N, C-alpha and C. Protein backbone atom coordinates (compact mmCIF):
# COMPACT_ATOMS: atom_id res chain seq x y z
N UNK A 1 64.09 -14.42 -3.48
CA UNK A 1 64.97 -15.56 -3.37
C UNK A 1 66.33 -15.31 -3.92
N UNK A 2 67.34 -15.67 -3.21
CA UNK A 2 68.71 -15.48 -3.64
C UNK A 2 69.31 -16.85 -3.63
N UNK A 3 69.85 -17.32 -4.69
CA UNK A 3 70.52 -18.62 -4.61
C UNK A 3 71.71 -18.69 -5.63
N UNK A 4 72.52 -19.72 -5.53
CA UNK A 4 73.58 -19.88 -6.43
C UNK A 4 74.81 -20.30 -5.65
N UNK A 5 75.77 -20.83 -6.38
CA UNK A 5 76.98 -21.38 -5.78
C UNK A 5 77.71 -20.24 -5.10
N UNK A 6 77.87 -19.10 -5.68
CA UNK A 6 78.59 -18.09 -4.99
C UNK A 6 77.91 -16.95 -4.39
N UNK A 7 76.55 -17.12 -4.21
CA UNK A 7 75.76 -16.17 -3.53
C UNK A 7 76.02 -16.09 -2.07
N UNK A 8 75.75 -14.91 -1.51
CA UNK A 8 75.97 -14.83 -0.12
C UNK A 8 74.95 -15.56 0.72
N UNK A 9 75.34 -15.79 1.95
CA UNK A 9 74.31 -16.54 2.84
C UNK A 9 74.40 -15.71 4.18
N UNK A 10 73.43 -16.02 5.01
CA UNK A 10 73.20 -15.29 6.22
C UNK A 10 74.39 -15.31 7.19
N UNK A 11 75.01 -16.47 7.34
CA UNK A 11 76.18 -16.59 8.19
C UNK A 11 77.40 -15.80 7.67
N UNK A 12 77.63 -15.87 6.37
CA UNK A 12 78.78 -15.15 5.81
C UNK A 12 78.51 -13.65 5.89
N UNK A 13 77.28 -13.20 5.68
CA UNK A 13 77.01 -11.78 5.83
C UNK A 13 77.11 -11.28 7.26
N UNK A 14 76.66 -12.13 8.17
CA UNK A 14 76.83 -11.75 9.63
C UNK A 14 78.27 -11.58 10.09
N UNK A 15 79.07 -12.50 9.52
CA UNK A 15 80.54 -12.46 9.82
C UNK A 15 81.10 -11.23 9.22
N UNK A 16 80.77 -10.82 8.01
CA UNK A 16 81.29 -9.67 7.41
C UNK A 16 80.88 -8.34 8.16
N UNK A 17 79.64 -8.35 8.56
CA UNK A 17 79.16 -7.18 9.35
C UNK A 17 79.98 -7.09 10.76
N UNK A 18 80.17 -8.21 11.39
CA UNK A 18 80.82 -8.22 12.60
C UNK A 18 82.29 -7.85 12.48
N UNK A 19 82.90 -8.25 11.36
CA UNK A 19 84.27 -7.90 11.08
C UNK A 19 84.42 -6.42 10.81
N UNK A 20 83.51 -5.85 10.09
CA UNK A 20 83.56 -4.37 9.84
C UNK A 20 83.28 -3.58 11.11
N UNK A 21 82.44 -4.05 12.04
CA UNK A 21 82.24 -3.45 13.32
C UNK A 21 83.53 -3.41 14.15
N UNK A 22 84.20 -4.48 14.18
CA UNK A 22 85.52 -4.57 14.96
C UNK A 22 86.51 -3.61 14.34
N UNK A 23 86.68 -3.66 13.01
CA UNK A 23 87.53 -2.69 12.33
C UNK A 23 87.34 -1.30 12.71
N UNK A 24 86.04 -0.96 12.75
CA UNK A 24 85.63 0.47 13.07
C UNK A 24 85.85 0.72 14.53
N UNK A 25 85.24 -0.09 15.45
CA UNK A 25 85.37 0.17 16.87
C UNK A 25 86.83 0.15 17.38
N UNK A 26 87.59 -0.61 16.86
CA UNK A 26 89.06 -0.71 17.39
C UNK A 26 89.98 0.22 16.66
N UNK A 27 89.45 0.95 15.72
CA UNK A 27 90.29 1.97 14.96
C UNK A 27 91.45 1.31 14.24
N UNK A 28 91.16 0.12 13.63
CA UNK A 28 92.21 -0.63 12.95
C UNK A 28 92.78 -0.03 11.69
N UNK A 29 91.92 0.81 10.99
CA UNK A 29 92.40 1.50 9.82
C UNK A 29 93.42 2.60 10.22
N UNK A 30 93.07 3.35 11.28
CA UNK A 30 93.95 4.40 11.74
C UNK A 30 95.25 3.78 12.35
N UNK A 31 95.10 2.67 13.07
CA UNK A 31 96.23 2.00 13.59
C UNK A 31 97.19 1.49 12.42
N UNK A 32 96.58 1.04 11.45
CA UNK A 32 97.36 0.53 10.19
C UNK A 32 98.17 1.65 9.65
N UNK A 33 97.61 2.83 9.55
CA UNK A 33 98.36 3.95 8.98
C UNK A 33 99.48 4.36 9.89
N UNK A 34 99.19 4.52 11.20
CA UNK A 34 100.23 4.94 12.15
C UNK A 34 101.33 3.89 12.30
N UNK A 35 100.95 2.66 12.40
CA UNK A 35 102.00 1.51 12.52
C UNK A 35 102.77 1.31 11.29
N UNK A 36 102.02 1.45 10.13
CA UNK A 36 102.72 1.33 8.83
C UNK A 36 103.80 2.40 8.61
N UNK A 37 103.43 3.66 9.01
CA UNK A 37 104.40 4.70 8.99
C UNK A 37 105.65 4.40 9.86
N UNK A 38 105.34 3.92 11.05
CA UNK A 38 106.44 3.53 11.99
C UNK A 38 107.32 2.46 11.43
N UNK A 39 106.61 1.43 10.84
CA UNK A 39 107.41 0.34 10.32
C UNK A 39 108.26 0.75 9.07
N UNK A 40 107.78 1.55 8.23
CA UNK A 40 108.51 2.07 7.09
C UNK A 40 109.64 2.98 7.60
N UNK A 41 109.43 3.84 8.64
CA UNK A 41 110.49 4.60 9.15
C UNK A 41 111.56 3.70 9.80
N UNK A 42 111.23 2.73 10.56
CA UNK A 42 112.20 1.84 11.17
C UNK A 42 113.02 1.15 10.05
N UNK A 43 112.35 0.66 9.04
CA UNK A 43 113.04 -0.01 7.95
C UNK A 43 113.87 0.90 7.15
N UNK A 44 113.46 2.13 6.98
CA UNK A 44 114.37 3.15 6.30
C UNK A 44 115.60 3.48 7.16
N UNK A 45 115.45 3.41 8.50
CA UNK A 45 116.67 3.59 9.39
C UNK A 45 117.68 2.52 9.11
N UNK A 46 117.16 1.30 8.98
CA UNK A 46 118.01 0.16 8.72
C UNK A 46 118.68 0.37 7.28
N UNK A 47 117.83 0.78 6.33
CA UNK A 47 118.43 1.03 4.99
C UNK A 47 119.50 1.99 4.96
N UNK A 48 119.50 3.05 5.81
CA UNK A 48 120.54 4.08 5.84
C UNK A 48 121.64 3.73 6.77
N UNK A 49 121.56 2.66 7.45
CA UNK A 49 122.62 2.27 8.38
C UNK A 49 123.70 1.36 7.74
N UNK A 50 124.75 1.17 8.43
CA UNK A 50 125.83 0.26 7.94
C UNK A 50 125.40 -1.20 7.90
N UNK A 51 124.32 -1.50 8.66
CA UNK A 51 123.90 -2.93 8.75
C UNK A 51 123.43 -3.37 7.34
N UNK A 52 122.82 -2.53 6.57
CA UNK A 52 122.27 -2.97 5.33
C UNK A 52 123.30 -3.09 4.25
N UNK A 53 124.49 -2.51 4.51
CA UNK A 53 125.60 -2.58 3.49
C UNK A 53 125.17 -2.03 2.14
N UNK A 54 124.22 -1.15 2.10
CA UNK A 54 123.82 -0.50 0.84
C UNK A 54 122.99 -1.38 -0.05
N UNK A 55 122.52 -2.52 0.48
CA UNK A 55 121.84 -3.45 -0.36
C UNK A 55 120.29 -3.18 -0.56
N UNK A 56 119.79 -2.31 0.26
CA UNK A 56 118.33 -2.02 0.21
C UNK A 56 118.15 -0.75 -0.70
N UNK A 57 117.39 -1.04 -1.77
CA UNK A 57 117.03 0.10 -2.79
C UNK A 57 115.91 0.92 -2.30
N UNK A 58 114.86 0.20 -1.86
CA UNK A 58 113.67 0.98 -1.59
C UNK A 58 112.86 0.26 -0.34
N UNK A 59 112.15 1.16 0.34
CA UNK A 59 111.18 0.72 1.39
C UNK A 59 109.89 1.47 1.01
N UNK A 60 108.91 0.72 0.79
CA UNK A 60 107.61 1.29 0.23
C UNK A 60 106.43 0.49 0.81
N UNK A 61 105.27 1.13 0.72
CA UNK A 61 104.08 0.41 1.14
C UNK A 61 102.83 1.45 1.42
N UNK A 62 101.82 0.78 1.78
CA UNK A 62 100.59 1.54 2.03
C UNK A 62 100.05 0.88 3.31
N UNK A 63 99.74 1.63 4.29
CA UNK A 63 99.34 1.05 5.60
C UNK A 63 100.37 0.07 6.09
N UNK A 64 99.86 -1.12 6.52
CA UNK A 64 100.78 -2.11 7.08
C UNK A 64 101.23 -3.11 6.05
N UNK A 65 101.07 -2.90 4.73
CA UNK A 65 101.65 -3.73 3.74
C UNK A 65 102.91 -2.96 3.23
N UNK A 66 104.04 -3.50 3.70
CA UNK A 66 105.32 -2.78 3.42
C UNK A 66 106.31 -3.72 2.71
N UNK A 67 106.91 -3.21 1.69
CA UNK A 67 107.95 -4.04 0.92
C UNK A 67 109.31 -3.37 1.14
N UNK A 68 110.32 -4.25 1.14
CA UNK A 68 111.78 -3.90 1.13
C UNK A 68 112.30 -4.46 -0.11
N UNK A 69 112.84 -3.67 -0.97
CA UNK A 69 113.37 -4.13 -2.23
C UNK A 69 114.92 -3.97 -2.13
N UNK A 70 115.58 -5.19 -2.40
CA UNK A 70 117.06 -5.22 -2.49
C UNK A 70 117.57 -4.95 -3.88
N UNK A 71 118.66 -4.32 -3.97
CA UNK A 71 119.21 -3.90 -5.28
C UNK A 71 119.85 -5.07 -6.03
N UNK A 72 120.16 -4.69 -7.29
CA UNK A 72 120.76 -5.76 -8.17
C UNK A 72 122.13 -6.31 -7.68
N UNK A 73 122.79 -5.55 -6.88
CA UNK A 73 124.09 -5.95 -6.40
C UNK A 73 123.96 -7.00 -5.21
N UNK A 74 122.77 -7.13 -4.77
CA UNK A 74 122.51 -8.12 -3.66
C UNK A 74 122.84 -9.55 -4.23
N UNK A 75 123.29 -10.43 -3.39
CA UNK A 75 123.58 -11.81 -3.90
C UNK A 75 122.38 -12.46 -4.30
N UNK A 76 122.57 -13.40 -5.30
CA UNK A 76 121.43 -14.18 -5.75
C UNK A 76 120.77 -14.93 -4.58
N UNK A 77 119.40 -14.99 -4.57
CA UNK A 77 118.63 -15.66 -3.51
C UNK A 77 118.55 -14.88 -2.21
N UNK A 78 118.85 -13.53 -2.31
CA UNK A 78 118.81 -12.78 -1.05
C UNK A 78 117.36 -12.77 -0.43
N UNK A 79 116.38 -12.81 -1.32
CA UNK A 79 114.95 -12.83 -0.75
C UNK A 79 114.73 -14.03 0.10
N UNK A 80 115.16 -15.22 -0.42
CA UNK A 80 114.97 -16.46 0.28
C UNK A 80 115.86 -16.42 1.62
N UNK A 81 117.02 -16.00 1.53
CA UNK A 81 117.93 -15.97 2.63
C UNK A 81 117.41 -15.02 3.82
N UNK A 82 116.94 -13.81 3.34
CA UNK A 82 116.41 -12.91 4.30
C UNK A 82 115.15 -13.49 4.94
N UNK A 83 114.25 -14.00 4.14
CA UNK A 83 112.99 -14.65 4.65
C UNK A 83 113.30 -15.75 5.65
N UNK A 84 114.32 -16.59 5.38
CA UNK A 84 114.66 -17.70 6.25
C UNK A 84 115.22 -17.12 7.58
N UNK A 85 116.09 -16.10 7.48
CA UNK A 85 116.67 -15.50 8.66
C UNK A 85 115.59 -14.94 9.53
N UNK A 86 114.51 -14.30 8.90
CA UNK A 86 113.45 -13.75 9.61
C UNK A 86 112.60 -14.91 10.39
N UNK A 87 112.41 -16.04 9.67
CA UNK A 87 111.71 -17.16 10.29
C UNK A 87 112.53 -17.76 11.44
N UNK A 88 113.89 -17.76 11.35
CA UNK A 88 114.68 -18.29 12.43
C UNK A 88 114.54 -17.43 13.69
N UNK A 89 114.18 -16.14 13.43
CA UNK A 89 114.02 -15.22 14.53
C UNK A 89 112.54 -15.11 15.05
N UNK A 90 111.64 -15.92 14.34
CA UNK A 90 110.23 -15.90 14.83
C UNK A 90 109.41 -14.88 14.07
N UNK A 91 109.92 -14.37 12.94
CA UNK A 91 109.18 -13.41 12.18
C UNK A 91 108.81 -13.98 10.80
N UNK A 92 107.50 -14.03 10.44
CA UNK A 92 107.21 -14.42 9.09
C UNK A 92 107.06 -13.25 8.17
N UNK A 93 107.73 -13.37 7.05
CA UNK A 93 107.69 -12.37 5.96
C UNK A 93 107.38 -13.12 4.66
N UNK A 94 107.05 -12.41 3.70
CA UNK A 94 106.69 -12.97 2.39
C UNK A 94 107.58 -12.45 1.27
N UNK A 95 108.25 -13.33 0.52
CA UNK A 95 108.98 -12.87 -0.61
C UNK A 95 107.88 -12.79 -1.72
N UNK A 96 107.97 -11.70 -2.49
CA UNK A 96 106.92 -11.44 -3.45
C UNK A 96 107.50 -10.96 -4.75
N UNK A 97 106.84 -11.18 -5.84
CA UNK A 97 107.13 -10.74 -7.17
C UNK A 97 108.39 -11.37 -7.67
N UNK A 98 108.76 -10.98 -8.90
CA UNK A 98 109.95 -11.50 -9.54
C UNK A 98 111.16 -10.67 -9.08
N UNK A 99 110.89 -9.59 -8.40
CA UNK A 99 111.99 -8.67 -7.90
C UNK A 99 112.43 -9.16 -6.55
N UNK A 100 113.57 -8.63 -6.07
CA UNK A 100 114.06 -9.00 -4.76
C UNK A 100 113.33 -8.18 -3.63
N UNK A 101 112.08 -8.52 -3.49
CA UNK A 101 111.25 -7.80 -2.57
C UNK A 101 110.79 -8.71 -1.45
N UNK A 102 110.91 -8.27 -0.22
CA UNK A 102 110.44 -8.98 1.00
C UNK A 102 109.23 -8.16 1.53
N UNK A 103 108.16 -8.76 1.75
CA UNK A 103 106.98 -7.94 2.16
C UNK A 103 106.63 -8.29 3.58
N UNK A 104 106.22 -7.24 4.36
CA UNK A 104 105.85 -7.31 5.77
C UNK A 104 104.39 -7.06 5.66
N UNK A 105 103.53 -7.93 6.26
CA UNK A 105 102.09 -7.68 6.38
C UNK A 105 101.56 -8.09 7.73
N UNK A 106 101.92 -7.26 8.81
CA UNK A 106 101.49 -7.58 10.12
C UNK A 106 99.94 -7.36 10.32
N UNK A 107 99.57 -7.96 11.48
CA UNK A 107 98.07 -7.80 11.81
C UNK A 107 97.70 -6.30 12.00
N UNK A 108 96.45 -6.02 11.69
CA UNK A 108 96.06 -4.60 11.80
C UNK A 108 96.05 -4.10 13.19
N UNK A 109 96.07 -4.96 14.19
CA UNK A 109 96.13 -4.49 15.59
C UNK A 109 97.45 -4.55 16.25
N UNK A 110 98.46 -4.54 15.41
CA UNK A 110 99.83 -4.58 15.93
C UNK A 110 100.16 -3.30 16.78
N UNK A 111 100.99 -3.56 17.68
CA UNK A 111 101.44 -2.40 18.63
C UNK A 111 102.67 -1.80 18.22
N UNK A 112 102.99 -0.60 18.73
CA UNK A 112 104.28 0.00 18.42
C UNK A 112 105.46 -0.84 19.01
N UNK A 113 105.26 -1.42 20.10
CA UNK A 113 106.27 -2.28 20.72
C UNK A 113 106.60 -3.45 19.79
N UNK A 114 105.51 -4.08 19.18
CA UNK A 114 105.74 -5.12 18.24
C UNK A 114 106.45 -4.64 16.96
N UNK A 115 106.07 -3.48 16.54
CA UNK A 115 106.69 -2.90 15.32
C UNK A 115 108.21 -2.63 15.66
N UNK A 116 108.46 -2.08 16.79
CA UNK A 116 109.88 -1.77 17.04
C UNK A 116 110.71 -2.99 17.30
N UNK A 117 110.04 -4.13 17.64
CA UNK A 117 110.77 -5.46 17.89
C UNK A 117 111.19 -6.00 16.48
N UNK A 118 110.51 -5.60 15.48
CA UNK A 118 110.85 -6.05 14.09
C UNK A 118 112.20 -5.52 13.77
């Protein structure tokens, strides 16, 4: 007998198994690595371009969780302004931490076309 408020149940376990099966069958871990590399490379190209005006200090991440950190010379509230500009263009990003970091966390099945559209 297994019981308790936080104990697993048959439905939750079946959902977890089905999720793991999809992740494996669709190669989502490998896609996350490839598309994460592509996203970081695209963002580093922006970092090195005139468009960024030298305000991006770092582009970092693991898989598809990617952060863009703006430097101390960036105007106050840059994280909020960038996030809102992204929303205005149909892209949801997440401001995170006490630093000027905007985080990208796309779906594991994102395509290269979608990454390049960012």
